[in-house]
Amino acid sequence: MTSNTIQYGNSNNSNLENRALQQPGWFTNMIKRLDRLLVRAQVESAQARFKLRYKHQQQAESRQDMVRSLPLEEKLRLGMYHFMD
């Protein structure tokens, strides 16, 4: 009877020891996952900023092209003296 209790007690202890040994691995995995999540968020943020900057640049160039294509009389009528060639 006592041998069963000892074996049961040892098996419980070994399960706890196994869990204790697995904990650092679990924490390491969580840290790695958080790190990957943060890196992915930073990359997506940088891509969004680049796309927004590129969009604004394209819009500005489009407006400048429209103004440059106006005839001289129209530029004078609208008071766009600084856009005159």
PDB file of N, CA and C in Angstrom:
ATOM      1  N   MET A   1       0.813  -1.178   0.000  1.00  0.00           N
ATOM      2  CA  MET A   1       0.000   0.000   0.000  1.00  0.00           C
ATOM      3  C   MET A   1       0.859   1.245   0.000  1.00  0.00           C
ATOM      4  N   THR A   2       1.900   1.247   0.784  1.00  0.00           N
ATOM      5  CA  THR A   2       2.751   2.427   0.835  1.00  0.00           C
ATOM      6  C   THR A   2       3.515   2.613  -0.475  1.00  0.00           C
ATOM      7  N   SER A   3       3.844   1.543  -1.143  1.00  0.00           N
ATOM      8  CA  SER A   3       4.580   1.682  -2.402  1.00  0.00           C
ATOM      9  C   SER A   3       3.713   2.373  -3.464  1.00  0.00           C
ATOM     10  N   ASN A   4       2.423   2.112  -3.455  1.00  0.00           N
ATOM     11  CA  ASN A   4       1.530   2.800  -4.395  1.00  0.00           C
ATOM     12  C   ASN A   4       1.486   4.298  -4.103  1.00  0.00           C
ATOM     13  N   THR A   5       1.450   4.626  -2.853  1.00  0.00           N
ATOM     14  CA  THR A   5       1.411   6.032  -2.478  1.00  0.00           C
ATOM     15  C   THR A   5       2.702   6.725  -2.886  1.00  0.00           C
ATOM     16  N   ILE A   6       3.814   6.052  -2.690  1.00  0.00           N
ATOM     17  CA  ILE A   6       5.106   6.631  -3.057  1.00  0.00           C
ATOM     18  C   ILE A   6       5.191   6.804  -4.569  1.00  0.00           C
ATOM     19  N   GLN A   7       4.758   5.809  -5.319  1.00  0.00           N
ATOM     20  CA  GLN A   7       4.793   5.910  -6.776  1.00  0.00           C
ATOM     21  C   GLN A   7       3.870   7.034  -7.256  1.00  0.00           C
ATOM     22  N   TYR A   8       2.714   7.135  -6.652  1.00  0.00           N
ATOM     23  CA  TYR A   8       1.777   8.187  -7.012  1.00  0.00           C
ATOM     24  C   TYR A   8       2.365   9.551  -6.701  1.00  0.00           C
ATOM     25  N   GLY A   9       2.989   9.623  -5.536  1.00  0.00           N
ATOM     26  CA  GLY A   9       3.621  10.880  -5.151  1.00  0.00           C
ATOM     27  C   GLY A   9       4.759  11.226  -6.091  1.00  0.00           C
ATOM     28  N   ASN A  10       5.534  10.268  -6.501  1.00  0.00           N
ATOM     29  CA  ASN A  10       6.632  10.519  -7.426  1.00  0.00           C
ATOM     30  C   ASN A  10       6.121  10.926  -8.803  1.00  0.00           C
ATOM     31  N   SER A  11       5.048  10.299  -9.227  1.00  0.00           N
ATOM     32  CA  SER A  11       4.515  10.648 -10.543  1.00  0.00           C
ATOM     33  C   SER A  11       3.952  12.072 -10.524  1.00  0.00           C
ATOM     34  N   ASN A  12       3.340  12.469  -9.418  1.00  0.00           N
ATOM     35  CA  ASN A  12       2.870  13.856  -9.309  1.00  0.00           C
ATOM     36  C   ASN A  12       4.035  14.824  -9.329  1.00  0.00           C
ATOM     37  N   ASN A  13       5.082  14.491  -8.600  1.00  0.00           N
ATOM     38  CA  ASN A  13       6.255  15.356  -8.568  1.00  0.00           C
ATOM     39  C   ASN A  13       6.905  15.445  -9.942  1.00  0.00           C
ATOM     40  N   SER A  14       6.970  14.318 -10.633  1.00  0.00           N
ATOM     41  CA  SER A  14       7.597  14.344 -11.955  1.00  0.00           C
ATOM     42  C   SER A  14       6.747  15.157 -12.932  1.00  0.00           C
ATOM     43  N   ASN A  15       5.420  15.086 -12.794  1.00  0.00           N
ATOM     44  CA  ASN A  15       4.564  15.921 -13.653  1.00  0.00           C
ATOM     45  C   ASN A  15       4.797  17.398 -13.372  1.00  0.00           C
ATOM     46  N   LEU A  16       4.913  17.744 -12.101  1.00  0.00           N
ATOM     47  CA  LEU A  16       5.179  19.133 -11.750  1.00  0.00           C
ATOM     48  C   LEU A  16       6.539  19.578 -12.258  1.00  0.00           C
ATOM     49  N   GLU A  17       7.522  18.678 -12.149  1.00  0.00           N
ATOM     50  CA  GLU A  17       8.859  19.018 -12.635  1.00  0.00           C
ATOM     51  C   GLU A  17       8.843  19.222 -14.146  1.00  0.00           C
ATOM     52  N   ASN A  18       8.118  18.353 -14.851  1.00  0.00           N
ATOM     53  CA  ASN A  18       8.015  18.513 -16.309  1.00  0.00           C
ATOM     54  C   ASN A  18       7.344  19.835 -16.666  1.00  0.00           C
ATOM     55  N   ARG A  19       6.300  20.178 -15.938  1.00  0.00           N
ATOM     56  CA  ARG A  19       5.626  21.451 -16.195  1.00  0.00           C
ATOM     57  C   ARG A  19       6.550  22.627 -15.885  1.00  0.00           C
ATOM     58  N   ALA A  20       7.291  22.498 -14.816  1.00  0.00           N
ATOM     59  CA  ALA A  20       8.216  23.569 -14.442  1.00  0.00           C
ATOM     60  C   ALA A  20       9.301  23.736 -15.506  1.00  0.00           C
ATOM     61  N   LEU A  21       9.765  22.630 -16.056  1.00  0.00           N
ATOM     62  CA  LEU A  21      10.786  22.697 -17.095  1.00  0.00           C
ATOM     63  C   LEU A  21      10.214  23.275 -18.391  1.00  0.00           C
ATOM     64  N   GLN A  22       8.932  23.067 -18.639  1.00  0.00           N
ATOM     65  CA  GLN A  22       8.309  23.560 -19.865  1.00  0.00           C
ATOM     66  C   GLN A  22       7.972  25.047 -19.777  1.00  0.00           C
ATOM     67  N   GLN A  23       7.873  25.600 -18.608  1.00  0.00           N
ATOM     68  CA  GLN A  23       7.480  26.999 -18.450  1.00  0.00           C
ATOM     69  C   GLN A  23       8.424  27.973 -19.150  1.00  0.00           C
ATOM     70  N   PRO A  24       9.742  27.856 -18.975  1.00  0.00           N
ATOM     71  CA  PRO A  24      10.614  28.804 -19.691  1.00  0.00           C
ATOM     72  C   PRO A  24      10.417  28.741 -21.203  1.00  0.00           C
ATOM     73  N   GLY A  25      10.188  27.546 -21.740  1.00  0.00           N
ATOM     74  CA  GLY A  25       9.922  27.419 -23.167  1.00  0.00           C
ATOM     75  C   GLY A  25       8.636  28.124 -23.549  1.00  0.00           C
ATOM     76  N   TRP A  26       7.635  28.032 -22.714  1.00  0.00           N
ATOM     77  CA  TRP A  26       6.357  28.687 -22.978  1.00  0.00           C
ATOM     78  C   TRP A  26       6.530  30.206 -22.961  1.00  0.00           C
ATOM     79  N   PHE A  27       7.253  30.698 -21.955  1.00  0.00           N
ATOM     80  CA  PHE A  27       7.507  32.133 -21.874  1.00  0.00           C
ATOM     81  C   PHE A  27       8.328  32.609 -23.077  1.00  0.00           C
ATOM     82  N   THR A  28       9.312  31.827 -23.463  1.00  0.00           N
ATOM     83  CA  THR A  28      10.132  32.180 -24.615  1.00  0.00           C
ATOM     84  C   THR A  28       9.279  32.252 -25.867  1.00  0.00           C
ATOM     85  N   ASN A  29       8.394  31.285 -26.052  1.00  0.00           N
ATOM     86  CA  ASN A  29       7.512  31.298 -27.216  1.00  0.00           C
ATOM     87  C   ASN A  29       6.594  32.507 -27.206  1.00  0.00           C
ATOM     88  N   MET A  30       6.073  32.863 -26.042  1.00  0.00           N
ATOM     89  CA  MET A  30       5.196  34.031 -25.957  1.00  0.00           C
ATOM     90  C   MET A  30       5.965  35.307 -26.297  1.00  0.00           C
ATOM     91  N   ILE A  31       7.183  35.414 -25.813  1.00  0.00           N
ATOM     92  CA  ILE A  31       8.005  36.592 -26.104  1.00  0.00           C
ATOM     93  C   ILE A  31       8.299  36.658 -27.600  1.00  0.00           C
ATOM     94  N   LYS A  32       8.620  35.512 -28.203  1.00  0.00           N
ATOM     95  CA  LYS A  32       8.888  35.485 -29.645  1.00  0.00           C
ATOM     96  C   LYS A  32       7.646  35.885 -30.428  1.00  0.00           C
ATOM     97  N   ARG A  33       6.485  35.391 -30.012  1.00  0.00           N
ATOM     98  CA  ARG A  33       5.240  35.741 -30.707  1.00  0.00           C
ATOM     99  C   ARG A  33       4.954  37.233 -30.595  1.00  0.00           C
ATOM    100  N   LEU A  34       5.142  37.787 -29.402  1.00  0.00           N
ATOM    101  CA  LEU A  34       4.931  39.223 -29.214  1.00  0.00           C
ATOM    102  C   LEU A  34       5.910  40.034 -30.053  1.00  0.00           C
ATOM    103  N   ASP A  35       7.154  39.573 -30.112  1.00  0.00           N
ATOM    104  CA  ASP A  35       8.161  40.259 -30.904  1.00  0.00           C
ATOM    105  C   ASP A  35       7.776  40.247 -32.376  1.00  0.00           C
ATOM    106  N   ARG A  36       7.345  39.080 -32.886  1.00  0.00           N
ATOM    107  CA  ARG A  36       6.921  38.994 -34.285  1.00  0.00           C
ATOM    108  C   ARG A  36       5.721  39.891 -34.553  1.00  0.00           C
ATOM    109  N   LEU A  37       4.804  39.943 -33.601  1.00  0.00           N
ATOM    110  CA  LEU A  37       3.622  40.790 -33.754  1.00  0.00           C
ATOM    111  C   LEU A  37       4.016  42.263 -33.832  1.00  0.00           C
ATOM    112  N   LEU A  38       4.939  42.682 -32.964  1.00  0.00           N
ATOM    113  CA  LEU A  38       5.393  44.069 -32.974  1.00  0.00           C
ATOM    114  C   LEU A  38       6.136  44.406 -34.257  1.00  0.00           C
ATOM    115  N   VAL A  39       6.971  43.496 -34.726  1.00  0.00           N
ATOM    116  CA  VAL A  39       7.711  43.734 -35.970  1.00  0.00           C
ATOM    117  C   VAL A  39       6.729  43.850 -37.130  1.00  0.00           C
ATOM    118  N   ARG A  40       5.753  42.954 -37.180  1.00  0.00           N
ATOM    119  CA  ARG A  40       4.763  42.985 -38.254  1.00  0.00           C
ATOM    120  C   ARG A  40       3.967  44.298 -38.208  1.00  0.00           C
ATOM    121  N   ALA A  41       3.621  44.754 -37.021  1.00  0.00           N
ATOM    122  CA  ALA A  41       2.886  46.015 -36.880  1.00  0.00           C
ATOM    123  C   ALA A  41       3.738  47.191 -37.353  1.00  0.00           C
ATOM    124  N   GLN A  42       5.027  47.180 -37.043  1.00  0.00           N
ATOM    125  CA  GLN A  42       5.911  48.258 -37.473  1.00  0.00           C
ATOM    126  C   GLN A  42       6.058  48.270 -38.994  1.00  0.00           C
ATOM    127  N   VAL A  43       6.162  47.089 -39.599  1.00  0.00           N
ATOM    128  CA  VAL A  43       6.287  47.003 -41.055  1.00  0.00           C
ATOM    129  C   VAL A  43       5.017  47.514 -41.725  1.00  0.00           C
ATOM    130  N   GLU A  44       3.862  47.097 -41.221  1.00  0.00           N
ATOM    131  CA  GLU A  44       2.598  47.552 -41.797  1.00  0.00           C
ATOM    132  C   GLU A  44       2.439  49.059 -41.649  1.00  0.00           C
ATOM    133  N   SER A  45       2.859  49.597 -40.525  1.00  0.00           N
ATOM    134  CA  SER A  45       2.784  51.038 -40.297  1.00  0.00           C
ATOM    135  C   SER A  45       3.690  51.779 -41.282  1.00  0.00           C
ATOM    136  N   ALA A  46       4.895  51.283 -41.479  1.00  0.00           N
ATOM    137  CA  ALA A  46       5.822  51.919 -42.421  1.00  0.00           C
ATOM    138  C   ALA A  46       5.277  51.849 -43.842  1.00  0.00           C
ATOM    139  N   GLN A  47       4.677  50.729 -44.216  1.00  0.00           N
ATOM    140  CA  GLN A  47       4.097  50.604 -45.551  1.00  0.00           C
ATOM    141  C   GLN A  47       2.928  51.573 -45.735  1.00  0.00           C
ATOM    142  N   ALA A  48       2.106  51.727 -44.711  1.00  0.00           N
ATOM    143  CA  ALA A  48       0.972  52.643 -44.789  1.00  0.00           C
ATOM    144  C   ALA A  48       1.460  54.085 -44.939  1.00  0.00           C
ATOM    145  N   ARG A  49       2.508  54.464 -44.185  1.00  0.00           N
ATOM    146  CA  ARG A  49       3.065  55.811 -44.312  1.00  0.00           C
ATOM    147  C   ARG A  49       3.620  56.046 -45.710  1.00  0.00           C
ATOM    148  N   PHE A  50       4.313  55.044 -46.253  1.00  0.00           N
ATOM    149  CA  PHE A  50       4.876  55.167 -47.597  1.00  0.00           C
ATOM    150  C   PHE A  50       3.771  55.340 -48.636  1.00  0.00           C
ATOM    151  N   LYS A  51       2.721  54.532 -48.543  1.00  0.00           N
ATOM    152  CA  LYS A  51       1.612  54.627 -49.494  1.00  0.00           C
ATOM    153  C   LYS A  51       0.930  55.990 -49.412  1.00  0.00           C
ATOM    154  N   LEU A  52       0.735  56.492 -48.208  1.00  0.00           N
ATOM    155  CA  LEU A  52       0.109  57.793 -48.027  1.00  0.00           C
ATOM    156  C   LEU A  52       0.980  58.906 -48.606  1.00  0.00           C
ATOM    157  N   ARG A  53       2.273  58.854 -48.332  1.00  0.00           N
ATOM    158  CA  ARG A  53       3.200  59.850 -48.864  1.00  0.00           C
ATOM    159  C   ARG A  53       3.224  59.805 -50.394  1.00  0.00           C
ATOM    160  N   TYR A  54       3.238  58.603 -50.955  1.00  0.00           N
ATOM    161  CA  TYR A  54       3.252  58.434 -52.408  1.00  0.00           C
ATOM    162  C   TYR A  54       1.957  58.977 -53.028  1.00  0.00           C
ATOM    163  N   LYS A  55       0.828  58.717 -52.374  1.00  0.00           N
ATOM    164  CA  LYS A  55      -0.466  59.206 -52.859  1.00  0.00           C
ATOM    165  C   LYS A  55      -0.494  60.732 -52.869  1.00  0.00           C
ATOM    166  N   HIS A  56      -0.023  61.368 -51.796  1.00  0.00           N
ATOM    167  CA  HIS A  56       0.018  62.830 -51.729  1.00  0.00           C
ATOM    168  C   HIS A  56       0.946  63.401 -52.801  1.00  0.00           C
ATOM    169  N   GLN A  57       2.058  62.733 -53.027  1.00  0.00           N
ATOM    170  CA  GLN A  57       3.010  63.188 -54.031  1.00  0.00           C
ATOM    171  C   GLN A  57       2.380  63.115 -55.426  1.00  0.00           C
ATOM    172  N   GLN A  58       1.680  62.028 -55.703  1.00  0.00           N
ATOM    173  CA  GLN A  58       1.026  61.874 -57.001  1.00  0.00           C
ATOM    174  C   GLN A  58      -0.059  62.925 -57.197  1.00  0.00           C
ATOM    175  N   GLN A  59      -0.823  63.219 -56.159  1.00  0.00           N
ATOM    176  CA  GLN A  59      -1.861  64.240 -56.256  1.00  0.00           C
ATOM    177  C   GLN A  59      -1.259  65.615 -56.496  1.00  0.00           C
ATOM    178  N   ALA A  60      -0.170  65.922 -55.816  1.00  0.00           N
ATOM    179  CA  ALA A  60       0.488  67.223 -55.989  1.00  0.00           C
ATOM    180  C   ALA A  60       1.028  67.359 -57.405  1.00  0.00           C
ATOM    181  N   GLU A  61       1.636  66.315 -57.937  1.00  0.00           N
ATOM    182  CA  GLU A  61       2.155  66.354 -59.302  1.00  0.00           C
ATOM    183  C   GLU A  61       1.020  66.511 -60.308  1.00  0.00           C
ATOM    184  N   SER A  62      -0.090  65.872 -60.050  1.00  0.00           N
ATOM    185  CA  SER A  62      -1.243  65.981 -60.946  1.00  0.00           C
ATOM    186  C   SER A  62      -1.765  67.411 -60.981  1.00  0.00           C
ATOM    187  N   ARG A  63      -1.864  68.046 -59.801  1.00  0.00           N
ATOM    188  CA  ARG A  63      -2.325  69.440 -59.742  1.00  0.00           C
ATOM    189  C   ARG A  63      -1.351  70.373 -60.460  1.00  0.00           C
ATOM    190  N   GLN A  64      -0.050  70.147 -60.275  1.00  0.00           N
ATOM    191  CA  GLN A  64       0.943  70.990 -60.927  1.00  0.00           C
ATOM    192  C   GLN A  64       0.868  70.843 -62.438  1.00  0.00           C
ATOM    193  N   ASP A  65       0.646  69.626 -62.919  1.00  0.00           N
ATOM    194  CA  ASP A  65       0.525  69.402 -64.351  1.00  0.00           C
ATOM    195  C   ASP A  65      -0.693  70.127 -64.917  1.00  0.00           C
ATOM    196  N   MET A  66      -1.792  70.141 -64.150  1.00  0.00           N
ATOM    197  CA  MET A  66      -2.996  70.822 -64.606  1.00  0.00           C
ATOM    198  C   MET A  66      -2.747  72.323 -64.724  1.00  0.00           C
ATOM    199  N   VAL A  67      -2.076  72.898 -63.751  1.00  0.00           N
ATOM    200  CA  VAL A  67      -1.796  74.338 -63.767  1.00  0.00           C
ATOM    201  C   VAL A  67      -0.820  74.673 -64.889  1.00  0.00           C
ATOM    202  N   ARG A  68       0.188  73.867 -65.077  1.00  0.00           N
ATOM    203  CA  ARG A  68       1.177  74.125 -66.138  1.00  0.00           C
ATOM    204  C   ARG A  68       0.551  74.041 -67.522  1.00  0.00           C
ATOM    205  N   SER A  69      -0.465  73.219 -67.661  1.00  0.00           N
ATOM    206  CA  SER A  69      -1.079  73.045 -68.973  1.00  0.00           C
ATOM    207  C   SER A  69      -2.056  74.164 -69.329  1.00  0.00           C
ATOM    208  N   LEU A  70      -2.377  75.033 -68.376  1.00  0.00           N
ATOM    209  CA  LEU A  70      -3.282  76.153 -68.657  1.00  0.00           C
ATOM    210  C   LEU A  70      -2.617  77.144 -69.614  1.00  0.00           C
ATOM    211  N   PRO A  71      -3.382  77.753 -70.479  1.00  0.00           N
ATOM    212  CA  PRO A  71      -2.807  78.787 -71.353  1.00  0.00           C
ATOM    213  C   PRO A  71      -2.432  80.042 -70.554  1.00  0.00           C
ATOM    214  N   LEU A  72      -1.574  80.850 -71.113  1.00  0.00           N
ATOM    215  CA  LEU A  72      -1.061  82.037 -70.434  1.00  0.00           C
ATOM    216  C   LEU A  72      -2.184  83.000 -70.044  1.00  0.00           C
ATOM    217  N   GLU A  73      -3.151  83.186 -70.906  1.00  0.00           N
ATOM    218  CA  GLU A  73      -4.261  84.098 -70.623  1.00  0.00           C
ATOM    219  C   GLU A  73      -5.051  83.637 -69.397  1.00  0.00           C
ATOM    220  N   GLU A  74      -5.261  82.343 -69.307  1.00  0.00           N
ATOM    221  CA  GLU A  74      -6.009  81.797 -68.168  1.00  0.00           C
ATOM    222  C   GLU A  74      -5.237  81.983 -66.863  1.00  0.00           C
ATOM    223  N   LYS A  75      -3.941  81.800 -66.911  1.00  0.00           N
ATOM    224  CA  LYS A  75      -3.107  82.015 -65.715  1.00  0.00           C
ATOM    225  C   LYS A  75      -3.178  83.474 -65.275  1.00  0.00           C
ATOM    226  N   LEU A  76      -3.150  84.398 -66.243  1.00  0.00           N
ATOM    227  CA  LEU A  76      -3.250  85.828 -65.914  1.00  0.00           C
ATOM    228  C   LEU A  76      -4.612  86.146 -65.322  1.00  0.00           C
ATOM    229  N   ARG A  77      -5.672  85.568 -65.889  1.00  0.00           N
ATOM    230  CA  ARG A  77      -7.021  85.831 -65.413  1.00  0.00           C
ATOM    231  C   ARG A  77      -7.214  85.324 -63.987  1.00  0.00           C
ATOM    232  N   LEU A  78      -6.609  84.198 -63.667  1.00  0.00           N
ATOM    233  CA  LEU A  78      -6.753  83.599 -62.340  1.00  0.00           C
ATOM    234  C   LEU A  78      -5.750  84.169 -61.323  1.00  0.00           C
ATOM    235  N   GLY A  79      -4.838  85.003 -61.786  1.00  0.00           N
ATOM    236  CA  GLY A  79      -3.865  85.612 -60.885  1.00  0.00           C
ATOM    237  C   GLY A  79      -2.748  84.647 -60.478  1.00  0.00           C
ATOM    238  N   MET A  80      -2.413  83.720 -61.338  1.00  0.00           N
ATOM    239  CA  MET A  80      -1.355  82.739 -61.050  1.00  0.00           C
ATOM    240  C   MET A  80      -0.030  83.201 -61.653  1.00  0.00           C
ATOM    241  N   TYR A  81       0.433  84.356 -61.212  1.00  0.00           N
ATOM    242  CA  TYR A  81       1.635  84.930 -61.796  1.00  0.00           C
ATOM    243  C   TYR A  81       2.873  84.088 -61.491  1.00  0.00           C
ATOM    244  N   HIS A  82       2.900  83.439 -60.344  1.00  0.00           N
ATOM    245  CA  HIS A  82       4.091  82.651 -59.981  1.00  0.00           C
ATOM    246  C   HIS A  82       4.183  81.357 -60.776  1.00  0.00           C
ATOM    247  N   PHE A  83       3.129  80.972 -61.516  1.00  0.00           N
ATOM    248  CA  PHE A  83       3.180  79.788 -62.352  1.00  0.00           C
ATOM    249  C   PHE A  83       3.480  80.117 -63.810  1.00  0.00           C
ATOM    250  N   MET A  84       3.690  81.394 -64.089  1.00  0.00           N
ATOM    251  CA  MET A  84       3.958  81.786 -65.468  1.00  0.00           C
ATOM    252  C   MET A  84       5.384  81.421 -65.843  1.00  0.00           C
ATOM    253  N   ASP A  85       5.557  80.984 -67.070  1.00  0.00           N
ATOM    254  CA  ASP A  85       6.892  80.566 -67.560  1.00  0.00           C
ATOM    255  C   ASP A  85       7.725  81.752 -67.937  1.00  0.00           C
TER     256      ASP A  85
END
